[in-house]
């Protein structure tokens, strides 16, 4: 299982727009991808916009991305680290 911990880069955290972009990217993969925080170690399905928003991850929060697919982990980690509100 691959995992990577990154810092949320979006100016207002993982709210609607960043969560939608991340969920759409995660949906492309057959393997489950999980996002977790130190406060929610169980994590949520990265393919669900609503579940991502329930993490309450603000800018600067740490998020761990986990999956059996290392490429998926890298793609989702890059999105979480980006300021998706700036695009």
N, C-alpha and C. Protein backbone atom coordinates (compact mmCIF):
# COMPACT_ATOMS: atom_id res chain seq x y z
N UNK A 1 0.85 -1.18 0.00
CA UNK A 1 0.00 0.00 0.00
C UNK A 1 0.89 1.23 0.00
N UNK A 2 0.58 2.17 -0.88
CA UNK A 2 1.34 3.42 -0.97
C UNK A 2 0.62 4.51 -0.19
N UNK A 3 1.40 5.41 0.41
CA UNK A 3 0.80 6.56 1.08
C UNK A 3 1.77 7.72 1.03
N UNK A 4 1.21 8.91 1.14
CA UNK A 4 2.00 10.13 1.13
C UNK A 4 1.27 11.17 1.95
N UNK A 5 2.01 11.87 2.81
CA UNK A 5 1.42 12.93 3.61
C UNK A 5 1.86 14.27 3.04
N UNK A 6 0.87 15.14 2.82
CA UNK A 6 1.13 16.45 2.22
C UNK A 6 0.39 17.52 3.01
N UNK A 7 0.70 18.78 2.68
CA UNK A 7 0.06 19.92 3.32
C UNK A 7 -0.95 20.52 2.34
N UNK A 8 -2.15 20.82 2.82
CA UNK A 8 -3.20 21.40 1.98
C UNK A 8 -2.74 22.77 1.47
N UNK A 9 -2.79 22.94 0.16
CA UNK A 9 -2.32 24.18 -0.45
C UNK A 9 -3.41 25.17 -0.81
N UNK A 10 -4.66 24.74 -0.91
CA UNK A 10 -5.74 25.64 -1.30
C UNK A 10 -5.97 26.69 -0.22
N UNK A 11 -6.16 27.92 -0.65
CA UNK A 11 -6.26 29.06 0.26
C UNK A 11 -7.33 28.90 1.33
N UNK A 12 -8.44 28.29 1.00
CA UNK A 12 -9.50 28.11 1.99
C UNK A 12 -9.72 26.63 2.33
N UNK A 13 -8.72 25.80 2.11
CA UNK A 13 -8.80 24.40 2.47
C UNK A 13 -9.55 23.56 1.45
N UNK A 14 -9.91 22.36 1.88
CA UNK A 14 -10.58 21.41 0.98
C UNK A 14 -12.09 21.61 1.04
N UNK A 15 -12.53 22.74 0.52
CA UNK A 15 -13.96 23.03 0.43
C UNK A 15 -14.48 22.55 -0.92
N UNK A 16 -15.59 23.08 -1.37
CA UNK A 16 -16.31 22.54 -2.53
C UNK A 16 -15.47 22.43 -3.81
N UNK A 17 -14.85 23.51 -4.24
CA UNK A 17 -14.13 23.46 -5.52
C UNK A 17 -12.95 22.48 -5.48
N UNK A 18 -12.02 22.61 -4.52
CA UNK A 18 -10.93 21.65 -4.47
C UNK A 18 -11.41 20.21 -4.27
N UNK A 19 -12.43 20.02 -3.44
CA UNK A 19 -12.95 18.68 -3.19
C UNK A 19 -13.51 18.07 -4.48
N UNK A 20 -14.16 18.88 -5.28
CA UNK A 20 -14.71 18.39 -6.55
C UNK A 20 -13.59 17.97 -7.50
N UNK A 21 -12.56 18.79 -7.60
CA UNK A 21 -11.44 18.47 -8.50
C UNK A 21 -10.74 17.19 -8.05
N UNK A 22 -10.53 17.05 -6.75
CA UNK A 22 -9.88 15.85 -6.22
C UNK A 22 -10.75 14.62 -6.45
N UNK A 23 -12.04 14.73 -6.16
CA UNK A 23 -12.95 13.59 -6.33
C UNK A 23 -13.02 13.14 -7.79
N UNK A 24 -13.07 14.10 -8.71
CA UNK A 24 -13.11 13.75 -10.14
C UNK A 24 -11.83 13.02 -10.56
N UNK A 25 -10.70 13.44 -10.04
CA UNK A 25 -9.44 12.76 -10.36
C UNK A 25 -9.43 11.36 -9.77
N UNK A 26 -9.92 11.20 -8.55
CA UNK A 26 -9.92 9.90 -7.88
C UNK A 26 -10.86 8.90 -8.56
N UNK A 27 -11.93 9.40 -9.15
CA UNK A 27 -12.90 8.53 -9.82
C UNK A 27 -12.30 7.79 -11.02
N UNK A 28 -11.22 8.29 -11.57
CA UNK A 28 -10.58 7.66 -12.73
C UNK A 28 -9.94 6.32 -12.40
N UNK A 29 -9.68 6.09 -11.12
CA UNK A 29 -8.96 4.89 -10.71
C UNK A 29 -9.91 3.82 -10.19
N UNK A 30 -9.55 2.56 -10.46
CA UNK A 30 -10.35 1.44 -9.97
C UNK A 30 -10.08 1.19 -8.48
N UNK A 31 -8.86 1.48 -8.04
CA UNK A 31 -8.49 1.23 -6.65
C UNK A 31 -9.08 2.31 -5.74
N UNK A 32 -9.36 1.92 -4.50
CA UNK A 32 -9.84 2.88 -3.52
C UNK A 32 -8.69 3.81 -3.12
N UNK A 33 -9.00 5.07 -2.98
CA UNK A 33 -8.05 6.08 -2.52
C UNK A 33 -8.66 6.73 -1.29
N UNK A 34 -7.88 6.81 -0.23
CA UNK A 34 -8.37 7.36 1.03
C UNK A 34 -7.59 8.61 1.41
N UNK A 35 -8.32 9.61 1.90
CA UNK A 35 -7.72 10.80 2.47
C UNK A 35 -7.97 10.76 3.98
N UNK A 36 -6.93 11.02 4.76
CA UNK A 36 -7.11 11.05 6.20
C UNK A 36 -6.32 12.21 6.79
N UNK A 37 -6.73 12.61 7.99
CA UNK A 37 -6.05 13.67 8.74
C UNK A 37 -5.70 13.12 10.11
N UNK A 38 -4.84 13.82 10.86
CA UNK A 38 -4.56 13.36 12.22
C UNK A 38 -5.82 13.29 13.08
N UNK A 39 -6.80 14.14 12.80
CA UNK A 39 -8.05 14.15 13.55
C UNK A 39 -9.01 13.05 13.09
N UNK A 40 -8.87 12.60 11.85
CA UNK A 40 -9.74 11.56 11.28
C UNK A 40 -8.85 10.51 10.64
N UNK A 41 -8.27 9.66 11.46
CA UNK A 41 -7.31 8.67 10.98
C UNK A 41 -7.95 7.58 10.14
N UNK A 42 -9.26 7.36 10.31
CA UNK A 42 -9.96 6.35 9.51
C UNK A 42 -9.99 6.77 8.05
N UNK A 43 -10.18 8.05 7.81
CA UNK A 43 -10.15 8.58 6.46
C UNK A 43 -11.47 8.48 5.73
N UNK A 44 -11.47 9.09 4.55
CA UNK A 44 -12.66 9.13 3.71
C UNK A 44 -12.29 8.76 2.28
N UNK A 45 -13.28 8.38 1.52
CA UNK A 45 -13.12 8.03 0.11
C UNK A 45 -12.81 9.29 -0.70
N UNK A 46 -11.67 9.30 -1.38
CA UNK A 46 -11.26 10.47 -2.15
C UNK A 46 -12.14 10.70 -3.38
N UNK A 47 -12.96 9.74 -3.74
CA UNK A 47 -13.85 9.90 -4.89
C UNK A 47 -15.17 10.57 -4.50
N UNK A 48 -15.31 10.97 -3.23
CA UNK A 48 -16.54 11.60 -2.77
C UNK A 48 -16.27 13.05 -2.34
N UNK A 49 -16.80 13.98 -3.10
CA UNK A 49 -16.64 15.40 -2.79
C UNK A 49 -17.15 15.71 -1.39
N UNK A 50 -18.31 15.21 -1.06
CA UNK A 50 -18.91 15.51 0.25
C UNK A 50 -18.08 14.94 1.40
N UNK A 51 -17.57 13.73 1.24
CA UNK A 51 -16.75 13.15 2.30
C UNK A 51 -15.44 13.90 2.47
N UNK A 52 -14.85 14.35 1.38
CA UNK A 52 -13.62 15.14 1.47
C UNK A 52 -13.88 16.40 2.29
N UNK A 53 -15.00 17.06 2.05
CA UNK A 53 -15.32 18.29 2.77
C UNK A 53 -15.54 18.03 4.26
N UNK A 54 -15.99 16.82 4.62
CA UNK A 54 -16.21 16.52 6.04
C UNK A 54 -14.91 16.45 6.83
N UNK A 55 -13.79 16.31 6.15
CA UNK A 55 -12.50 16.30 6.85
C UNK A 55 -12.22 17.65 7.52
N UNK A 56 -12.76 18.71 6.95
CA UNK A 56 -12.52 20.04 7.50
C UNK A 56 -11.07 20.47 7.40
N UNK A 57 -10.37 19.99 6.39
CA UNK A 57 -8.95 20.30 6.24
C UNK A 57 -8.75 21.71 5.70
N UNK A 58 -8.19 22.58 6.52
CA UNK A 58 -7.92 23.96 6.15
C UNK A 58 -6.54 24.07 5.50
N UNK A 59 -6.23 25.23 4.94
CA UNK A 59 -4.91 25.47 4.38
C UNK A 59 -3.87 25.22 5.47
N UNK A 60 -2.82 24.47 5.12
CA UNK A 60 -1.76 24.16 6.06
C UNK A 60 -1.96 22.88 6.84
N UNK A 61 -3.16 22.29 6.77
CA UNK A 61 -3.41 21.02 7.45
C UNK A 61 -2.67 19.89 6.74
N UNK A 62 -2.34 18.85 7.48
CA UNK A 62 -1.72 17.68 6.84
C UNK A 62 -2.79 16.66 6.49
N UNK A 63 -2.64 16.09 5.30
CA UNK A 63 -3.55 15.07 4.80
C UNK A 63 -2.71 13.91 4.27
N UNK A 64 -3.09 12.70 4.62
CA UNK A 64 -2.41 11.52 4.12
C UNK A 64 -3.27 10.85 3.07
N UNK A 65 -2.67 10.59 1.92
CA UNK A 65 -3.36 9.92 0.81
C UNK A 65 -2.85 8.48 0.78
N UNK A 66 -3.76 7.51 0.72
CA UNK A 66 -3.39 6.10 0.75
C UNK A 66 -4.15 5.34 -0.33
N UNK A 67 -3.44 4.43 -1.01
CA UNK A 67 -4.07 3.58 -2.02
C UNK A 67 -3.12 2.45 -2.37
N UNK A 68 -3.66 1.41 -3.00
CA UNK A 68 -2.81 0.35 -3.54
C UNK A 68 -2.13 0.80 -4.83
N UNK A 69 -2.58 1.90 -5.40
CA UNK A 69 -2.05 2.42 -6.65
C UNK A 69 -1.15 3.63 -6.36
N UNK A 70 0.15 3.45 -6.50
CA UNK A 70 1.11 4.52 -6.20
C UNK A 70 0.92 5.74 -7.10
N UNK A 71 0.56 5.50 -8.36
CA UNK A 71 0.33 6.63 -9.29
C UNK A 71 -0.86 7.47 -8.84
N UNK A 72 -1.89 6.81 -8.34
CA UNK A 72 -3.07 7.52 -7.84
C UNK A 72 -2.70 8.36 -6.63
N UNK A 73 -1.90 7.80 -5.74
CA UNK A 73 -1.45 8.54 -4.56
C UNK A 73 -0.71 9.79 -4.98
N UNK A 74 0.20 9.67 -5.93
CA UNK A 74 0.98 10.82 -6.38
C UNK A 74 0.10 11.89 -7.03
N UNK A 75 -0.85 11.47 -7.86
CA UNK A 75 -1.73 12.45 -8.52
C UNK A 75 -2.59 13.19 -7.51
N UNK A 76 -3.21 12.46 -6.61
CA UNK A 76 -4.08 13.10 -5.62
C UNK A 76 -3.27 13.96 -4.65
N UNK A 77 -2.09 13.50 -4.26
CA UNK A 77 -1.22 14.29 -3.38
C UNK A 77 -0.86 15.62 -4.03
N UNK A 78 -0.55 15.59 -5.31
CA UNK A 78 -0.20 16.82 -6.03
C UNK A 78 -1.39 17.79 -6.04
N UNK A 79 -2.59 17.26 -6.19
CA UNK A 79 -3.78 18.12 -6.18
C UNK A 79 -4.00 18.73 -4.79
N UNK A 80 -3.87 17.91 -3.75
CA UNK A 80 -4.08 18.42 -2.39
C UNK A 80 -3.07 19.51 -2.08
N UNK A 81 -1.84 19.37 -2.55
CA UNK A 81 -0.80 20.36 -2.29
C UNK A 81 -0.98 21.65 -3.08
N UNK A 82 -1.74 21.59 -4.17
CA UNK A 82 -1.91 22.75 -5.05
C UNK A 82 -2.94 23.72 -4.49
N UNK A 83 -2.82 24.97 -4.90
CA UNK A 83 -3.85 25.96 -4.58
C UNK A 83 -4.90 25.86 -5.67
N UNK A 84 -5.85 24.96 -5.50
CA UNK A 84 -6.87 24.70 -6.52
C UNK A 84 -7.85 25.86 -6.66
N UNK A 85 -7.82 26.81 -5.75
CA UNK A 85 -8.67 27.98 -5.87
C UNK A 85 -8.07 29.00 -6.81
N UNK A 86 -6.78 28.89 -7.10
CA UNK A 86 -6.08 29.85 -7.94
C UNK A 86 -6.26 29.56 -9.42
N UNK A 87 -6.74 28.37 -9.75
CA UNK A 87 -6.82 27.97 -11.16
C UNK A 87 -8.10 28.43 -11.81
